[in-house]
Each structure stands twice: as structure tokens, then as C-alpha cells.
Amino acid sequence: MITGWIGIRFTKRSKANKGRVYTVVDELTTTNRAGAIVKVEFLCEHSFLGQKVNSKECATTIKMGLIE
């Protein structure tokens, strides 16, 4: 299991995202009224035509495309 998610670099497996390197910037946690964690997503960014683009990704996507 990965403990420090911020700063991890990964790629996605689809043809449309081939060659793009994503970097995890923030961890977004959703809780219910009882305080239990319902969902965890990660805010990621990559460069596209010289601009920073943000996207939300799940942990599975990040684990499958880790760059070592």
C-alpha cells in the first residue's frame, strides 16, 4: 500500500493519454454525516499545450500506471 500519495507520477493506459505524465497534487476525501470516509479521490495535473490541466483520479488508476 502506498502511504504518501502526493507527488507520485503515473501515466494512464488509454491511447488518448499516451505519453502524458500525471502528478498527484492533492487528496480529496468525502465523508458522510457519521464521519466515515465514503470516497477518496486524488487531484492530478498534467501539461497540455503548455497549460496545466487538473483531473480527479481514483487510486486504482494511479497504481496501474506508476512510473518507477
C-alpha atoms as a PDB file:
ATOM      1  CA  MET A   1       0.000   0.000   0.000  1.00  0.00           C
ATOM      2  CA  ILE A   2       1.181   3.485  -0.819  1.00  0.00           C
ATOM      3  CA  THR A   3       1.369   5.877   2.149  1.00  0.00           C
ATOM      4  CA  GLY A   4       2.496   9.189   0.638  1.00  0.00           C
ATOM      5  CA  TRP A   5       0.362   9.849  -2.448  1.00  0.00           C
ATOM      6  CA  ILE A   6       1.323  13.495  -3.055  1.00  0.00           C
ATOM      7  CA  GLY A   7       3.983  13.826  -5.745  1.00  0.00           C
ATOM      8  CA  ILE A   8       3.511  10.371  -7.274  1.00  0.00           C
ATOM      9  CA  ARG A   9       3.882  10.333 -11.069  1.00  0.00           C
ATOM     10  CA  PHE A  10       1.874   7.980 -13.284  1.00  0.00           C
ATOM     11  CA  THR A  11       0.535   7.501 -16.797  1.00  0.00           C
ATOM     12  CA  LYS A  12      -2.885   6.383 -17.974  1.00  0.00           C
ATOM     13  CA  ARG A  13      -3.302   3.312 -20.159  1.00  0.00           C
ATOM     14  CA  SER A  14      -5.614   4.679 -22.870  1.00  0.00           C
ATOM     15  CA  LYS A  15      -4.425   5.675 -26.352  1.00  0.00           C
ATOM     16  CA  ALA A  16      -5.716   9.239 -25.921  1.00  0.00           C
ATOM     17  CA  ASN A  17      -3.455   9.818 -22.897  1.00  0.00           C
ATOM     18  CA  LYS A  18      -0.386   8.037 -24.244  1.00  0.00           C
ATOM     19  CA  GLY A  19       2.816   9.815 -23.243  1.00  0.00           C
ATOM     20  CA  ARG A  20       1.199  12.170 -20.720  1.00  0.00           C
ATOM     21  CA  VAL A  21       2.684  12.083 -17.255  1.00  0.00           C
ATOM     22  CA  TYR A  22       0.282  12.911 -14.423  1.00  0.00           C
ATOM     23  CA  THR A  23       1.358  14.104 -10.972  1.00  0.00           C
ATOM     24  CA  VAL A  24      -0.766  13.732  -7.822  1.00  0.00           C
ATOM     25  CA  VAL A  25      -1.276  17.180  -6.267  1.00  0.00           C
ATOM     26  CA  ASP A  26      -3.912  16.686  -3.544  1.00  0.00           C
ATOM     27  CA  GLU A  27      -6.068  14.059  -1.834  1.00  0.00           C
ATOM     28  CA  LEU A  28      -9.827  14.652  -1.776  1.00  0.00           C
ATOM     29  CA  THR A  29     -11.804  12.761   0.879  1.00  0.00           C
ATOM     30  CA  THR A  30     -15.605  12.568   1.052  1.00  0.00           C
ATOM     31  CA  THR A  31     -17.240  11.716   4.387  1.00  0.00           C
ATOM     32  CA  ASN A  32     -20.831  11.140   5.443  1.00  0.00           C
ATOM     33  CA  ARG A  33     -22.574  12.717   8.445  1.00  0.00           C
ATOM     34  CA  ALA A  34     -21.320   9.986  10.753  1.00  0.00           C
ATOM     35  CA  GLY A  35     -17.744  10.889   9.846  1.00  0.00           C
ATOM     36  CA  ALA A  36     -16.971   7.681   7.970  1.00  0.00           C
ATOM     37  CA  ILE A  37     -14.904   8.004   4.817  1.00  0.00           C
ATOM     38  CA  VAL A  38     -17.099   7.264   1.796  1.00  0.00           C
ATOM     39  CA  LYS A  39     -14.794   8.053  -1.133  1.00  0.00           C
ATOM     40  CA  VAL A  40     -11.169   9.033  -1.705  1.00  0.00           C
ATOM     41  CA  GLU A  41     -10.102  10.703  -4.956  1.00  0.00           C
ATOM     42  CA  PHE A  42      -6.856  12.335  -5.981  1.00  0.00           C
ATOM     43  CA  LEU A  43      -6.422  15.669  -7.739  1.00  0.00           C
ATOM     44  CA  CYS A  44      -3.856  15.226 -10.510  1.00  0.00           C
ATOM     45  CA  GLU A  45      -2.327  17.588 -13.024  1.00  0.00           C
ATOM     46  CA  HIS A  46      -0.591  17.239 -16.372  1.00  0.00           C
ATOM     47  CA  SER A  47       0.622  19.593 -19.057  1.00  0.00           C
ATOM     48  CA  PHE A  48      -1.345  20.026 -22.299  1.00  0.00           C
ATOM     49  CA  LEU A  49      -0.242  22.579 -24.905  1.00  0.00           C
ATOM     50  CA  GLY A  50       1.738  24.460 -22.261  1.00  0.00           C
ATOM     51  CA  GLN A  51      -1.178  24.698 -19.802  1.00  0.00           C
ATOM     52  CA  LYS A  52      -1.720  22.868 -16.503  1.00  0.00           C
ATOM     53  CA  VAL A  53      -4.812  20.642 -16.619  1.00  0.00           C
ATOM     54  CA  ASN A  54      -6.383  19.188 -13.443  1.00  0.00           C
ATOM     55  CA  SER A  55      -8.324  15.937 -13.208  1.00  0.00           C
ATOM     56  CA  LYS A  56      -9.676  13.656 -10.494  1.00  0.00           C
ATOM     57  CA  GLU A  57      -8.432  10.072 -10.473  1.00  0.00           C
ATOM     58  CA  CYS A  58      -9.022   7.037  -8.265  1.00  0.00           C
ATOM     59  CA  ALA A  59      -6.303   5.036  -6.514  1.00  0.00           C
ATOM     60  CA  THR A  60      -6.610   2.089  -8.918  1.00  0.00           C
ATOM     61  CA  THR A  61      -5.780   4.230 -11.957  1.00  0.00           C
ATOM     62  CA  ILE A  62      -2.704   5.589 -10.194  1.00  0.00           C
ATOM     63  CA  LYS A  63      -1.496   2.144  -9.076  1.00  0.00           C
ATOM     64  CA  MET A  64      -1.828   0.678 -12.591  1.00  0.00           C
ATOM     65  CA  GLY A  65       0.272   3.424 -14.199  1.00  0.00           C
ATOM     66  CA  LEU A  66       3.023   4.063 -11.647  1.00  0.00           C
ATOM     67  CA  ILE A  67       6.328   5.350 -13.001  1.00  0.00           C
ATOM     68  CA  GLU A  68       9.294   3.986 -11.097  1.00  0.00           C
END
